[in-house]
């Protein structure tokens, strides 16, 4: 019984080393943080401005906690599913440029 667990442990350790080595030798898989910061800011600023322009009167009547809950929920949804995928496609060359 002990041999089976030991063998499985060593197999898992070897697999982890292989994955770690592959990560080190792969070309960049993520863009630099400052580029993601700029792209996120480029997306969030117009979204917040647009939301306040369209729904500012409705939001101003709500308590602060509810207002920020709604605003952040809509913003995170838009950023995750609509805006950032499109922006990363548009700016792909710049994001991954060395």
C-alpha atoms as a PDB file:
ATOM      1  CA  UNK A   1       0.000   0.000   0.000  1.00  0.00           C
ATOM      2  CA  UNK A   2       2.766   2.370   0.926  1.00  0.00           C
ATOM      3  CA  UNK A   3       4.538   1.873  -2.404  1.00  0.00           C
ATOM      4  CA  UNK A   4       1.471   2.935  -4.382  1.00  0.00           C
ATOM      5  CA  UNK A   5       1.179   6.226  -2.523  1.00  0.00           C
ATOM      6  CA  UNK A   6       4.899   6.900  -2.814  1.00  0.00           C
ATOM      7  CA  UNK A   7       4.822   6.220  -6.568  1.00  0.00           C
ATOM      8  CA  UNK A   8       1.825   8.522  -7.056  1.00  0.00           C
ATOM      9  CA  UNK A   9       3.551  11.231  -5.020  1.00  0.00           C
ATOM     10  CA  UNK A  10       6.727  11.068  -7.128  1.00  0.00           C
ATOM     11  CA  UNK A  11       4.702  11.047 -10.354  1.00  0.00           C
ATOM     12  CA  UNK A  12       2.849  14.177  -9.229  1.00  0.00           C
ATOM     13  CA  UNK A  13       6.106  15.899  -8.267  1.00  0.00           C
ATOM     14  CA  UNK A  14       7.604  15.126 -11.683  1.00  0.00           C
ATOM     15  CA  UNK A  15       4.512  16.505 -13.387  1.00  0.00           C
ATOM     16  CA  UNK A  16       4.746  19.721 -11.348  1.00  0.00           C
ATOM     17  CA  UNK A  17       8.410  20.145 -12.306  1.00  0.00           C
ATOM     18  CA  UNK A  18       7.501  19.667 -15.967  1.00  0.00           C
ATOM     19  CA  UNK A  19       4.772  22.301 -15.754  1.00  0.00           C
ATOM     20  CA  UNK A  20       7.080  24.748 -13.943  1.00  0.00           C
ATOM     21  CA  UNK A  21       9.798  24.259 -16.573  1.00  0.00           C
ATOM     22  CA  UNK A  22       7.293  24.767 -19.379  1.00  0.00           C
ATOM     23  CA  UNK A  23       6.133  28.029 -17.803  1.00  0.00           C
ATOM     24  CA  UNK A  24       9.707  29.277 -17.618  1.00  0.00           C
ATOM     25  CA  UNK A  25      10.519  28.436 -21.229  1.00  0.00           C
ATOM     26  CA  UNK A  26       7.232  29.552 -22.781  1.00  0.00           C
ATOM     27  CA  UNK A  27       7.165  32.963 -24.397  1.00  0.00           C
ATOM     28  CA  UNK A  28       5.271  35.635 -22.544  1.00  0.00           C
ATOM     29  CA  UNK A  29       1.769  34.472 -21.836  1.00  0.00           C
ATOM     30  CA  UNK A  30       0.676  37.632 -20.039  1.00  0.00           C
ATOM     31  CA  UNK A  31       1.226  41.247 -20.979  1.00  0.00           C
ATOM     32  CA  UNK A  32       3.112  43.579 -18.631  1.00  0.00           C
ATOM     33  CA  UNK A  33       1.067  44.903 -15.727  1.00  0.00           C
ATOM     34  CA  UNK A  34       1.481  48.545 -16.690  1.00  0.00           C
ATOM     35  CA  UNK A  35      -0.060  47.853 -20.097  1.00  0.00           C
ATOM     36  CA  UNK A  36      -3.006  46.059 -18.495  1.00  0.00           C
ATOM     37  CA  UNK A  37      -3.355  48.962 -16.065  1.00  0.00           C
ATOM     38  CA  UNK A  38      -3.520  51.466 -18.931  1.00  0.00           C
ATOM     39  CA  UNK A  39      -5.943  49.347 -20.941  1.00  0.00           C
ATOM     40  CA  UNK A  40      -8.215  48.819 -17.927  1.00  0.00           C
ATOM     41  CA  UNK A  41      -8.184  52.522 -17.139  1.00  0.00           C
ATOM     42  CA  UNK A  42      -8.941  53.288 -20.781  1.00  0.00           C
ATOM     43  CA  UNK A  43     -12.013  51.063 -20.488  1.00  0.00           C
ATOM     44  CA  UNK A  44     -13.271  52.005 -17.016  1.00  0.00           C
ATOM     45  CA  UNK A  45     -13.167  55.788 -17.337  1.00  0.00           C
ATOM     46  CA  UNK A  46     -15.620  56.054 -20.266  1.00  0.00           C
ATOM     47  CA  UNK A  47     -17.840  53.334 -18.805  1.00  0.00           C
ATOM     48  CA  UNK A  48     -18.236  55.107 -15.467  1.00  0.00           C
ATOM     49  CA  UNK A  49     -18.741  58.445 -17.201  1.00  0.00           C
ATOM     50  CA  UNK A  50     -21.375  56.946 -19.489  1.00  0.00           C
ATOM     51  CA  UNK A  51     -23.207  55.225 -16.657  1.00  0.00           C
ATOM     52  CA  UNK A  52     -23.334  58.475 -14.677  1.00  0.00           C
ATOM     53  CA  UNK A  53     -24.499  60.424 -17.736  1.00  0.00           C
ATOM     54  CA  UNK A  54     -27.275  57.951 -18.474  1.00  0.00           C
ATOM     55  CA  UNK A  55     -28.350  56.982 -14.964  1.00  0.00           C
ATOM     56  CA  UNK A  56     -26.899  59.698 -12.720  1.00  0.00           C
ATOM     57  CA  UNK A  57     -30.289  61.078 -11.702  1.00  0.00           C
ATOM     58  CA  UNK A  58     -31.586  57.629 -10.777  1.00  0.00           C
ATOM     59  CA  UNK A  59     -28.402  56.704  -8.925  1.00  0.00           C
ATOM     60  CA  UNK A  60     -28.212  59.932  -6.929  1.00  0.00           C
ATOM     61  CA  UNK A  61     -31.472  59.088  -5.159  1.00  0.00           C
ATOM     62  CA  UNK A  62     -30.112  55.771  -3.868  1.00  0.00           C
ATOM     63  CA  UNK A  63     -28.092  55.286  -0.681  1.00  0.00           C
ATOM     64  CA  UNK A  64     -24.337  55.259  -1.256  1.00  0.00           C
ATOM     65  CA  UNK A  65     -23.854  51.548  -0.551  1.00  0.00           C
ATOM     66  CA  UNK A  66     -26.607  50.502  -2.949  1.00  0.00           C
ATOM     67  CA  UNK A  67     -25.408  52.970  -5.590  1.00  0.00           C
ATOM     68  CA  UNK A  68     -21.844  51.624  -5.486  1.00  0.00           C
ATOM     69  CA  UNK A  69     -23.112  48.032  -5.417  1.00  0.00           C
ATOM     70  CA  UNK A  70     -25.090  48.581  -8.606  1.00  0.00           C
ATOM     71  CA  UNK A  71     -22.365  50.614 -10.302  1.00  0.00           C
ATOM     72  CA  UNK A  72     -19.604  48.103  -9.567  1.00  0.00           C
ATOM     73  CA  UNK A  73     -21.792  45.140 -10.531  1.00  0.00           C
ATOM     74  CA  UNK A  74     -22.636  46.634 -13.917  1.00  0.00           C
ATOM     75  CA  UNK A  75     -19.055  47.801 -14.433  1.00  0.00           C
ATOM     76  CA  UNK A  76     -17.476  44.434 -13.622  1.00  0.00           C
ATOM     77  CA  UNK A  77     -19.962  42.623 -15.867  1.00  0.00           C
ATOM     78  CA  UNK A  78     -19.304  44.970 -18.795  1.00  0.00           C
ATOM     79  CA  UNK A  79     -15.543  44.829 -18.300  1.00  0.00           C
ATOM     80  CA  UNK A  80     -15.384  41.041 -18.004  1.00  0.00           C
ATOM     81  CA  UNK A  81     -17.702  39.968 -20.788  1.00  0.00           C
ATOM     82  CA  UNK A  82     -17.838  42.829 -23.277  1.00  0.00           C
ATOM     83  CA  UNK A  83     -15.187  45.511 -23.062  1.00  0.00           C
ATOM     84  CA  UNK A  84     -11.906  43.808 -22.080  1.00  0.00           C
ATOM     85  CA  UNK A  85     -12.174  40.919 -24.562  1.00  0.00           C
ATOM     86  CA  UNK A  86     -12.682  43.422 -27.382  1.00  0.00           C
ATOM     87  CA  UNK A  87      -9.940  45.748 -26.177  1.00  0.00           C
ATOM     88  CA  UNK A  88      -7.441  42.922 -25.772  1.00  0.00           C
ATOM     89  CA  UNK A  89      -8.128  41.868 -29.376  1.00  0.00           C
ATOM     90  CA  UNK A  90      -7.740  45.430 -30.619  1.00  0.00           C
ATOM     91  CA  UNK A  91      -4.542  46.096 -28.635  1.00  0.00           C
ATOM     92  CA  UNK A  92      -3.094  42.565 -28.886  1.00  0.00           C
ATOM     93  CA  UNK A  93       0.036  43.599 -30.794  1.00  0.00           C
ATOM     94  CA  UNK A  94       0.795  46.404 -28.351  1.00  0.00           C
ATOM     95  CA  UNK A  95       0.084  44.279 -25.279  1.00  0.00           C
ATOM     96  CA  UNK A  96       2.433  41.472 -26.271  1.00  0.00           C
ATOM     97  CA  UNK A  97       5.084  43.600 -27.975  1.00  0.00           C
ATOM     98  CA  UNK A  98       8.454  43.003 -26.273  1.00  0.00           C
END
